[in-house]
Each structure stands twice: as structure tokens, then as C-alpha cells.
């Protein structure tokens, strides 16, 4: 019994450290081309996703042959519209079984050579909200992401490690 409590303690310590690392800033989250990070915030009037991914990986989402030039500030203005269109398809969200469509999509190239997508959805109704990371199915096995879900004050509403084999996360929204 004592061993189980000790193990439980270390699991909590690990989860706390992982959460602290995730909260250390989006630029530090997507340097590994196989990892991405999503922060979802439920506001009173909207649901906002901030999705950070390595530019070298994001290119594969718009060009499976990777024939695009390297994403540099010089090419960015020319390529930005393609990534903005792709931003609307990265996630499929459903609330109470009904799809949510993005109201806004913006994308920027960071100084760290990551792409940061800002995707705004209408605020979902109370009930089950499902996040489906459609982009993982396009990238293939080996890619993953952490999704954290918070309210505007930063209170955690849930999180999940999304993988190609497990690309979804569900949360229950109170009335």
C-alpha cells in the first residue's frame, strides 16, 4: 500500500513537471519536428486554439511532396495564404455531436521557425466537446501533440497527449 502511494506521488510529480514544461512558452514546444503543442482556451464568447508546430513539419501539411521552398521570412508572405487555408482543417471539433466551424484563422512564422496558428471557434454549448487532431492523420505515425484545455483564468479543464493512433480528446463542458 505504501509503495502504491509513493508511485502515485511520483506520477503526480511527473505530471506537474510536464505541465510546467508545457507552460514555459509556445516557442519551446515545437522545435522537435515530430511534436506540436495546442493550447485551447474556453472564453465566454469563443473557443480559441493556439497551435504551434515546427515549420519543417507544417510544410508537409500543405505539400506532401515537400516541394515548397524553405519557410523563411523572404518566402513567408507568398506562402502564408496556403497555411492559413490549412489552419481551418487542422482540427475537427464537435460539440454535442455537432461540428464547430472556425470563425477566424491566422498564422504567423515565429522567430524560432515555428508556425503558430490562431484558430477561433464559436463557444460550444454545454455537453461533450471533442477535439480531433485531423492533421495527425495526414502526417502519419510517429507524430504527436500535447493539447491543454483551460478556461480564461488558466484553470485546467483537461489535457491529452494526441498521437496518430489516438488523435482525439473529449471534455465535458458544464451548463
Protein backbone atom coordinates (compact mmCIF):
# COMPACT_ATOMS: atom_id res chain seq x y z
CA UNK A 1 0.00 0.00 0.00
CA UNK A 2 2.85 2.38 0.88
CA UNK A 3 4.54 1.57 -2.45
CA UNK A 4 1.34 2.43 -4.32
CA UNK A 5 1.13 5.83 -2.57
CA UNK A 6 4.77 6.52 -3.36
CA UNK A 7 4.25 5.60 -7.01
CA UNK A 8 1.16 7.82 -7.11
CA UNK A 9 3.23 10.67 -5.64
CA UNK A 10 5.91 10.33 -8.33
CA UNK A 11 3.29 10.18 -11.08
CA UNK A 12 1.86 13.47 -9.78
CA UNK A 13 5.36 14.99 -9.66
CA UNK A 14 5.97 13.88 -13.25
CA UNK A 15 2.65 15.32 -14.44
CA UNK A 16 3.34 18.60 -12.63
CA UNK A 17 6.78 18.86 -14.27
CA UNK A 18 5.32 18.03 -17.68
CA UNK A 19 2.63 20.70 -17.24
CA UNK A 20 5.25 23.25 -16.13
CA UNK A 21 7.34 22.46 -19.19
CA UNK A 22 4.28 22.88 -21.43
CA UNK A 23 3.53 26.24 -19.82
CA UNK A 24 7.04 27.53 -20.45
CA UNK A 25 6.07 29.18 -23.74
CA UNK A 26 4.98 28.09 -27.20
CA UNK A 27 8.37 28.67 -28.83
CA UNK A 28 9.93 25.91 -26.74
CA UNK A 29 7.20 23.44 -27.60
CA UNK A 30 7.51 22.72 -31.28
CA UNK A 31 11.23 22.53 -32.07
CA UNK A 32 11.06 18.75 -32.40
CA UNK A 33 9.62 18.17 -35.88
CA UNK A 34 7.58 15.25 -34.54
CA UNK A 35 5.93 17.28 -31.77
CA UNK A 36 3.39 20.08 -31.72
CA UNK A 37 1.56 21.89 -28.96
CA UNK A 38 -2.04 23.07 -28.74
CA UNK A 39 -3.46 25.38 -26.13
CA UNK A 40 -7.26 25.62 -26.15
CA UNK A 41 -8.95 28.33 -24.09
CA UNK A 42 -12.69 28.43 -23.46
CA UNK A 43 -13.76 32.09 -23.31
CA UNK A 44 -17.31 33.31 -22.54
CA UNK A 45 -17.86 34.11 -26.25
CA UNK A 46 -15.48 31.79 -28.12
CA UNK A 47 -13.10 28.84 -28.07
CA UNK A 48 -9.58 29.76 -29.08
CA UNK A 49 -6.87 27.32 -30.18
CA UNK A 50 -3.22 28.27 -30.44
CA UNK A 51 -1.41 25.53 -32.32
CA UNK A 52 2.41 25.58 -32.59
CA UNK A 53 4.27 23.29 -34.96
CA UNK A 54 7.75 23.19 -36.49
CA UNK A 55 7.75 24.89 -39.88
CA UNK A 56 9.53 21.91 -41.42
CA UNK A 57 6.61 19.70 -40.35
CA UNK A 58 3.91 22.23 -41.27
CA UNK A 59 5.17 22.21 -44.87
CA UNK A 60 4.07 18.56 -45.10
CA UNK A 61 0.50 19.63 -44.27
CA UNK A 62 0.20 21.78 -47.40
CA UNK A 63 2.64 19.95 -49.69
CA UNK A 64 3.07 16.20 -49.25
CA UNK A 65 5.89 16.21 -51.81
CA UNK A 66 7.70 18.92 -49.80
CA UNK A 67 8.47 20.87 -52.96
CA UNK A 68 7.83 24.22 -51.30
CA UNK A 69 10.85 26.41 -50.63
CA UNK A 70 12.09 26.57 -47.06
CA UNK A 71 9.91 28.70 -44.83
CA UNK A 72 11.92 31.86 -44.35
CA UNK A 73 10.72 35.42 -43.87
CA UNK A 74 11.52 36.00 -47.57
CA UNK A 75 9.08 33.26 -48.70
CA UNK A 76 6.56 33.69 -45.90
CA UNK A 77 4.36 36.39 -47.43
CA UNK A 78 3.96 34.31 -50.58
CA UNK A 79 3.18 31.05 -48.73
CA UNK A 80 1.08 32.39 -45.83
CA UNK A 81 -2.32 32.08 -47.62
CA UNK A 82 -1.77 28.34 -48.16
CA UNK A 83 -1.06 27.82 -44.47
CA UNK A 84 -3.99 29.99 -43.47
CA UNK A 85 -6.35 27.78 -45.54
CA UNK A 86 -4.78 24.67 -43.98
CA UNK A 87 -5.32 26.11 -40.49
CA UNK A 88 -9.08 25.66 -40.84
CA UNK A 89 -8.60 21.90 -41.35
CA UNK A 90 -6.06 21.09 -38.62
CA UNK A 91 -8.72 20.16 -36.05
CA UNK A 92 -12.27 18.90 -36.28
CA UNK A 93 -14.28 19.99 -33.25
CA UNK A 94 -17.72 18.73 -32.33
CA UNK A 95 -19.96 19.89 -29.51
CA UNK A 96 -22.83 17.61 -28.55
CA UNK A 97 -22.21 15.77 -31.83
CA UNK A 98 -22.47 18.93 -34.00
CA UNK A 99 -19.41 20.20 -35.91
CA UNK A 100 -17.93 23.57 -34.96
CA UNK A 101 -16.50 25.58 -37.86
CA UNK A 102 -13.66 28.06 -37.35
CA UNK A 103 -14.70 31.74 -37.39
CA UNK A 104 -11.14 33.02 -37.77
CA UNK A 105 -7.78 31.57 -38.74
CA UNK A 106 -4.49 33.45 -38.56
CA UNK A 107 -0.97 32.06 -38.85
CA UNK A 108 2.45 33.52 -38.18
CA UNK A 109 6.04 32.40 -38.63
CA UNK A 110 7.88 32.76 -35.32
CA UNK A 111 11.48 33.81 -34.79
CA UNK A 112 12.09 30.18 -33.77
CA UNK A 113 10.93 28.98 -37.25
CA UNK A 114 7.71 27.51 -35.89
CA UNK A 115 4.27 28.19 -37.29
CA UNK A 116 1.75 29.46 -34.77
CA UNK A 117 -1.88 29.09 -35.81
CA UNK A 118 -4.60 31.08 -34.02
CA UNK A 119 -7.96 29.42 -34.66
CA UNK A 120 -11.18 30.83 -33.19
CA UNK A 121 -14.40 28.82 -32.97
CA UNK A 122 -17.82 29.81 -31.66
CA UNK A 123 -18.26 28.97 -27.98
CA UNK A 124 -19.57 25.40 -27.75
CA UNK A 125 -22.74 24.58 -25.84
CA UNK A 126 -22.61 22.70 -22.57
CA UNK A 127 -22.07 18.98 -23.04
CA UNK A 128 -19.36 16.89 -24.64
CA UNK A 129 -16.73 18.72 -26.66
CA UNK A 130 -14.46 16.57 -28.86
CA UNK A 131 -11.15 17.75 -30.33
CA UNK A 132 -9.98 15.61 -33.25
CA UNK A 133 -6.45 16.38 -34.49
CA UNK A 134 -7.05 15.71 -38.19
CA UNK A 135 -3.56 16.91 -39.09
CA UNK A 136 -2.01 13.91 -37.29
CA UNK A 137 -3.69 11.52 -39.72
CA UNK A 138 -2.15 13.47 -42.59
CA UNK A 139 1.36 13.42 -41.05
CA UNK A 140 1.34 9.74 -40.12
CA UNK A 141 2.62 7.52 -37.35
CA UNK A 142 5.31 8.95 -35.09
CA UNK A 143 3.87 12.46 -34.85
CA UNK A 144 2.19 13.73 -31.74
CA UNK A 145 0.99 16.72 -29.79
CA UNK A 146 0.02 17.83 -26.33
CA UNK A 147 -3.36 19.52 -26.09
CA UNK A 148 -4.13 21.53 -22.97
CA UNK A 149 -7.61 22.91 -22.34
CA UNK A 150 -8.11 25.85 -19.97
CA UNK A 151 -10.60 28.49 -19.00
CA UNK A 152 -9.60 32.20 -19.35
CA UNK A 153 -8.21 32.28 -15.79
CA UNK A 154 -5.83 29.42 -16.64
CA UNK A 155 -7.75 26.75 -14.71
CA UNK A 156 -7.07 23.46 -16.40
CA UNK A 157 -10.13 21.76 -17.91
CA UNK A 158 -8.12 18.78 -19.19
CA UNK A 159 -5.22 17.74 -21.35
CA UNK A 160 -4.21 14.87 -23.57
CA UNK A 161 -1.24 13.57 -25.48
CA UNK A 162 -2.55 13.21 -29.02
CA UNK A 163 -0.95 10.64 -31.30
CA UNK A 164 -1.56 9.34 -34.80
CA UNK A 165 -3.22 6.27 -33.25
CA UNK A 166 -5.12 8.37 -30.66
CA UNK A 167 -5.87 11.80 -32.22
CA UNK A 168 -8.84 12.84 -30.09
CA UNK A 169 -9.64 14.37 -26.71
CA UNK A 170 -13.04 14.84 -25.08
CA UNK A 171 -14.08 17.20 -22.32
CA UNK A 172 -17.43 17.82 -20.67
CA UNK A 173 -18.49 21.47 -20.56
CA UNK A 174 -20.78 22.42 -17.70
CA UNK A 175 -24.01 24.34 -18.35
